[in-house]
C-alpha atoms as a PDB file:
ATOM      1  CA  MET A   1      42.063 -91.133-161.294  1.00  0.00           C
ATOM      2  CA  LEU A   2      40.803 -88.192-162.457  1.00  0.00           C
ATOM      3  CA  ALA A   3      40.367 -86.450-158.804  1.00  0.00           C
ATOM      4  CA  GLY A   4      43.867 -87.753-158.246  1.00  0.00           C
ATOM      5  CA  CYS A   5      45.556 -85.820-161.300  1.00  0.00           C
ATOM      6  CA  ALA A   6      43.071 -82.978-160.356  1.00  0.00           C
ATOM      7  CA  ALA A   7      44.772 -82.513-156.996  1.00  0.00           C
ATOM      8  CA  LEU A   8      48.220 -81.962-159.177  1.00  0.00           C
ATOM      9  CA  GLN A   9      47.213 -79.350-161.537  1.00  0.00           C
ATOM     10  CA  PRO A  10      46.101 -75.945-160.459  1.00  0.00           C
ATOM     11  CA  GLY A  11      42.514 -74.888-161.193  1.00  0.00           C
ATOM     12  CA  ALA A  12      41.421 -78.292-161.641  1.00  0.00           C
ATOM     13  CA  ASP A  13      39.214 -78.465-159.112  1.00  0.00           C
ATOM     14  CA  GLU A  14      37.335 -75.446-161.038  1.00  0.00           C
ATOM     15  CA  THR A  15      37.524 -77.332-164.135  1.00  0.00           C
ATOM     16  CA  LEU A  16      35.584 -80.295-162.470  1.00  0.00           C
ATOM     17  CA  ALA A  17      33.253 -77.879-161.279  1.00  0.00           C
ATOM     18  CA  VAL A  18      32.517 -76.444-164.688  1.00  0.00           C
ATOM     19  CA  GLY A  19      32.107 -79.822-165.914  1.00  0.00           C
ATOM     20  CA  SER A  20      29.652 -80.706-163.387  1.00  0.00           C
ATOM     21  CA  VAL A  21      27.608 -77.703-163.707  1.00  0.00           C
ATOM     22  CA  VAL A  22      27.408 -78.325-167.993  1.00  0.00           C
ATOM     23  CA  SER A  23      26.612 -82.023-167.005  1.00  0.00           C
ATOM     24  CA  GLU A  24      23.779 -80.914-164.412  1.00  0.00           C
ATOM     25  CA  ALA A  25      22.714 -78.455-167.048  1.00  0.00           C
ATOM     26  CA  VAL A  26      22.473 -81.131-169.761  1.00  0.00           C
ATOM     27  CA  ASP A  27      20.668 -83.676-167.418  1.00  0.00           C
ATOM     28  CA  ALA A  28      18.052 -81.153-166.606  1.00  0.00           C
ATOM     29  CA  SER A  29      17.333 -80.356-170.332  1.00  0.00           C
ATOM     30  CA  ARG A  30      16.271 -83.940-170.601  1.00  0.00           C
ATOM     31  CA  VAL A  31      13.873 -84.297-167.863  1.00  0.00           C
ATOM     32  CA  SER A  32      10.214 -83.384-167.491  1.00  0.00           C
ATOM     33  CA  ALA A  33       9.248 -79.787-166.887  1.00  0.00           C
ATOM     34  CA  ALA A  34       8.287 -80.641-162.956  1.00  0.00           C
ATOM     35  CA  GLN A  35      11.690 -82.096-162.675  1.00  0.00           C
ATOM     36  CA  GLN A  36      13.303 -79.229-164.358  1.00  0.00           C
ATOM     37  CA  ARG A  37      11.499 -76.544-161.921  1.00  0.00           C
ATOM     38  CA  ARG A  38      12.620 -78.867-158.959  1.00  0.00           C
ATOM     39  CA  VAL A  39      16.334 -78.609-160.383  1.00  0.00           C
ATOM     40  CA  LEU A  40      16.172 -74.780-160.759  1.00  0.00           C
ATOM     41  CA  ALA A  41      14.919 -74.587-157.518  1.00  0.00           C
ATOM     42  CA  ASP A  42      17.739 -76.868-155.715  1.00  0.00           C
ATOM     43  CA  ALA A  43      20.205 -74.607-157.638  1.00  0.00           C
ATOM     44  CA  GLN A  44      18.573 -71.313-156.159  1.00  0.00           C
ATOM     45  CA  GLU A  45      18.653 -72.821-152.645  1.00  0.00           C
ATOM     46  CA  ALA A  46      22.265 -73.810-152.940  1.00  0.00           C
ATOM     47  CA  LEU A  47      23.183 -70.480-154.003  1.00  0.00           C
ATOM     48  CA  ALA A  48      21.229 -68.892-150.982  1.00  0.00           C
ATOM     49  CA  ARG A  49      23.112 -71.300-148.667  1.00  0.00           C
ATOM     50  CA  GLU A  50      26.480 -70.905-150.149  1.00  0.00           C
ATOM     51  CA  PRO A  51      26.956 -67.799-152.501  1.00  0.00           C
ATOM     52  CA  GLY A  52      29.927 -68.977-154.042  1.00  0.00           C
ATOM     53  CA  ALA A  53      31.077 -68.686-157.916  1.00  0.00           C
ATOM     54  CA  VAL A  54      30.184 -72.216-158.630  1.00  0.00           C
ATOM     55  CA  ASN A  55      26.590 -72.004-157.459  1.00  0.00           C
ATOM     56  CA  ARG A  56      26.207 -68.737-159.147  1.00  0.00           C
ATOM     57  CA  LEU A  57      27.375 -70.409-162.262  1.00  0.00           C
ATOM     58  CA  ARG A  58      25.181 -73.498-162.042  1.00  0.00           C
ATOM     59  CA  LEU A  59      22.147 -71.362-161.292  1.00  0.00           C
ATOM     60  CA  ALA A  60      22.937 -68.876-164.288  1.00  0.00           C
ATOM     61  CA  THR A  61      23.859 -71.774-166.532  1.00  0.00           C
ATOM     62  CA  LEU A  62      20.445 -73.179-165.788  1.00  0.00           C
ATOM     63  CA  LEU A  63      18.715 -70.052-166.306  1.00  0.00           C
ATOM     64  CA  ALA A  64      20.219 -69.620-169.504  1.00  0.00           C
ATOM     65  CA  THR A  65      19.615 -73.441-170.752  1.00  0.00           C
ATOM     66  CA  LEU A  66      16.500 -74.384-169.440  1.00  0.00           C
ATOM     67  CA  PRO A  67      13.241 -73.940-171.819  1.00  0.00           C
ATOM     68  CA  ALA A  68      10.801 -71.422-171.447  1.00  0.00           C
ATOM     69  CA  PRO A  69       8.853 -70.595-169.001  1.00  0.00           C
ATOM     70  CA  LEU A  70      11.974 -71.305-166.434  1.00  0.00           C
ATOM     71  CA  ARG A  71      14.680 -69.819-168.978  1.00  0.00           C
ATOM     72  CA  ASP A  72      15.537 -65.964-167.481  1.00  0.00           C
ATOM     73  CA  ASP A  73      18.189 -64.787-169.981  1.00  0.00           C
ATOM     74  CA  ALA A  74      18.454 -61.604-168.265  1.00  0.00           C
ATOM     75  CA  ARG A  75      18.802 -62.782-164.883  1.00  0.00           C
ATOM     76  CA  ALA A  76      21.536 -65.216-166.079  1.00  0.00           C
ATOM     77  CA  ALA A  77      23.282 -62.665-167.793  1.00  0.00           C
ATOM     78  CA  GLU A  78      23.177 -60.598-164.883  1.00  0.00           C
ATOM     79  CA  MET A  79      24.448 -63.327-162.756  1.00  0.00           C
ATOM     80  CA  LEU A  80      27.277 -64.294-165.240  1.00  0.00           C
ATOM     81  CA  ALA A  81      28.687 -60.752-165.855  1.00  0.00           C
ATOM     82  CA  PRO A  82      30.689 -60.721-162.538  1.00  0.00           C
ATOM     83  CA  LEU A  83      31.702 -64.240-163.097  1.00  0.00           C
ATOM     84  CA  ALA A  84      33.078 -63.698-166.561  1.00  0.00           C
ATOM     85  CA  SER A  85      35.593 -61.123-165.433  1.00  0.00           C
ATOM     86  CA  THR A  86      37.123 -63.393-162.598  1.00  0.00           C
ATOM     87  CA  PRO A  87      40.637 -64.309-162.796  1.00  0.00           C
ATOM     88  CA  SER A  88      39.614 -68.266-162.523  1.00  0.00           C
ATOM     89  CA  PRO A  89      40.057 -69.580-166.033  1.00  0.00           C
ATOM     90  CA  ALA A  90      37.584 -72.267-165.898  1.00  0.00           C
ATOM     91  CA  ILE A  91      34.584 -70.400-164.433  1.00  0.00           C
ATOM     92  CA  GLY A  92      35.443 -67.091-166.077  1.00  0.00           C
ATOM     93  CA  ARG A  93      35.806 -68.513-169.668  1.00  0.00           C
ATOM     94  CA  PHE A  94      32.563 -70.722-169.421  1.00  0.00           C
ATOM     95  CA  ALA A  95      30.950 -67.663-168.079  1.00  0.00           C
ATOM     96  CA  ALA A  96      31.872 -65.505-170.828  1.00  0.00           C
ATOM     97  CA  LEU A  97      31.039 -68.114-173.449  1.00  0.00           C
ATOM     98  CA  LEU A  98      27.671 -68.294-172.025  1.00  0.00           C
ATOM     99  CA  GLY A  99      27.004 -64.712-171.513  1.00  0.00           C
ATOM    100  CA  ALA A 100      28.121 -64.316-175.097  1.00  0.00           C
ATOM    101  CA  GLN A 101      25.500 -66.906-176.386  1.00  0.00           C
ATOM    102  CA  ILE A 102      22.943 -65.301-173.992  1.00  0.00           C
ATOM    103  CA  ALA A 103      23.664 -61.806-175.593  1.00  0.00           C
ATOM    104  CA  GLU A 104      23.596 -63.370-178.939  1.00  0.00           C
ATOM    105  CA  ARG A 105      20.156 -64.794-178.331  1.00  0.00           C
ATOM    106  CA  GLN A 106      18.712 -61.629-176.908  1.00  0.00           C
ATOM    107  CA  ARG A 107      20.101 -59.919-180.175  1.00  0.00           C
ATOM    108  CA  LEU A 108      18.410 -62.372-182.353  1.00  0.00           C
ATOM    109  CA  ALA A 109      15.048 -62.327-180.341  1.00  0.00           C
ATOM    110  CA  ARG A 110      15.252 -58.321-180.780  1.00  0.00           C
ATOM    111  CA  ASP A 111      15.836 -58.839-184.503  1.00  0.00           C
ATOM    112  CA  LEU A 112      13.018 -61.440-184.962  1.00  0.00           C
ATOM    113  CA  GLU A 113      10.698 -59.231-182.950  1.00  0.00           C
ATOM    114  CA  ARG A 114      11.685 -56.224-185.534  1.00  0.00           C
ATOM    115  CA  VAL A 115      11.121 -58.479-188.247  1.00  0.00           C
ATOM    116  CA  ALA A 116       7.776 -59.358-187.226  1.00  0.00           C
ATOM    117  CA  LYS A 117       6.681 -55.764-186.549  1.00  0.00           C
ATOM    118  CA  ASP A 118       8.007 -55.014-189.989  1.00  0.00           C
ATOM    119  CA  ARG A 119       6.031 -57.735-191.640  1.00  0.00           C
ATOM    120  CA  GLU A 120       2.856 -56.661-189.753  1.00  0.00           C
ATOM    121  CA  ARG A 121       3.399 -53.197-191.019  1.00  0.00           C
ATOM    122  CA  VAL A 122       4.090 -54.309-194.542  1.00  0.00           C
ATOM    123  CA  GLU A 123       0.632 -56.632-194.328  1.00  0.00           C
ATOM    124  CA  ARG A 124      -1.163 -53.443-192.942  1.00  0.00           C
ATOM    125  CA  GLU A 125      -0.017 -51.075-195.746  1.00  0.00           C
ATOM    126  CA  ARG A 126      -0.624 -54.195-198.428  1.00  0.00           C
ATOM    127  CA  GLU A 127      -4.229 -54.170-197.029  1.00  0.00           C
ATOM    128  CA  ARG A 128      -4.482 -50.477-196.839  1.00  0.00           C
ATOM    129  CA  ALA A 129      -3.344 -49.830-200.917  1.00  0.00           C
ATOM    130  CA  GLU A 130      -5.539 -53.452-201.659  1.00  0.00           C
ATOM    131  CA  ARG A 131      -8.563 -51.297-200.124  1.00  0.00           C
ATOM    132  CA  ALA A 132      -7.753 -48.224-201.949  1.00  0.00           C
ATOM    133  CA  GLY A 133      -7.451 -50.258-205.346  1.00  0.00           C
ATOM    134  CA  ASP A 134     -10.630 -51.786-204.748  1.00  0.00           C
ATOM    135  CA  GLU A 135     -12.148 -48.045-204.045  1.00  0.00           C
ATOM    136  CA  ARG A 136     -10.689 -46.923-206.905  1.00  0.00           C
ATOM    137  CA  GLU A 137     -11.895 -49.931-209.150  1.00  0.00           C
ATOM    138  CA  LYS A 138     -15.319 -49.356-207.666  1.00  0.00           C
ATOM    139  CA  ALA A 139     -15.304 -45.364-208.577  1.00  0.00           C
ATOM    140  CA  LEU A 140     -14.209 -46.157-212.085  1.00  0.00           C
ATOM    141  CA  ARG A 141     -16.767 -48.992-212.570  1.00  0.00           C
ATOM    142  CA  GLN A 142     -19.419 -46.269-211.511  1.00  0.00           C
ATOM    143  CA  GLN A 143     -17.938 -43.627-213.746  1.00  0.00           C
ATOM    144  CA  LEU A 144     -18.092 -46.203-216.850  1.00  0.00           C
ATOM    145  CA  GLU A 145     -21.453 -47.023-215.700  1.00  0.00           C
ATOM    146  CA  ALA A 146     -22.417 -43.263-215.780  1.00  0.00           C
ATOM    147  CA  LEU A 147     -20.634 -42.665-219.272  1.00  0.00           C
ATOM    148  CA  ARG A 148     -22.664 -45.675-220.468  1.00  0.00           C
ATOM    149  CA  SER A 149     -25.896 -44.274-219.390  1.00  0.00           C
ATOM    150  CA  ILE A 150     -25.026 -41.134-220.925  1.00  0.00           C
ATOM    151  CA  GLU A 151     -24.247 -42.437-224.060  1.00  0.00           C
ATOM    152  CA  ARG A 152     -27.347 -44.695-224.152  1.00  0.00           C
ATOM    153  CA  GLY A 153     -29.263 -41.445-223.203  1.00  0.00           C
ATOM    154  CA  ILE A 154     -27.770 -39.804-226.388  1.00  0.00           C
ATOM    155  CA  LEU A 155     -28.429 -42.767-228.781  1.00  0.00           C
ATOM    156  CA  GLU A 156     -32.292 -42.635-227.561  1.00  0.00           C
ATOM    157  CA  ARG A 157     -32.224 -39.213-228.067  1.00  0.00           C
ATOM    158  CA  GLU A 158     -30.757 -39.485-231.749  1.00  0.00           C
ATOM    159  CA  GLU A 159     -33.165 -42.155-232.409  1.00  0.00           C
ATOM    160  CA  ARG A 160     -36.363 -40.130-231.161  1.00  0.00           C
ATOM    161  CA  LEU A 161     -35.010 -37.092-233.529  1.00  0.00           C
ATOM    162  CA  ARG A 162     -34.611 -39.368-236.627  1.00  0.00           C
ATOM    163  CA  ARG A 163     -37.947 -41.104-236.088  1.00  0.00           C
ATOM    164  CA  ASN A 164     -39.693 -37.706-235.703  1.00  0.00           C
ATOM    165  CA  LYS A 165     -37.989 -36.213-239.059  1.00  0.00           C
ATOM    166  CA  ARG A 166     -39.660 -38.960-240.917  1.00  0.00           C
END
């Protein structure tokens, strides 16, 4: 029934193709890593055999949605860019949406990396300040001990002088 109605609507084939791509990506996300590699390899072979927009979208979608180490956001974004500007409403819109999601994920990854570097820098500075504080404390303790030693020496000398006067 859906296929029959699709024939009556312009662009319906592309809409069905995008639905199929999304369905395949969802299915691939639920299988084992070995099966995910196989699905990705099949998509790469399909694109090599028939380099059309749907196969390009399929591979880019898998590259964007599969987990690491299969995920390749840079390659997916590169493949989606020309599709996002196509006049095809279904493929173009989905490619633009997925491309925007990839760009946002990349931005968040950069932000996370920057925050991690900042945290490491702050931790190093804190450790450096702690070491400097420990060194200051040690120096002050040594000075205090030296002053106590001087005070003991003065008291002992005064005590000897008092004994000698008697």
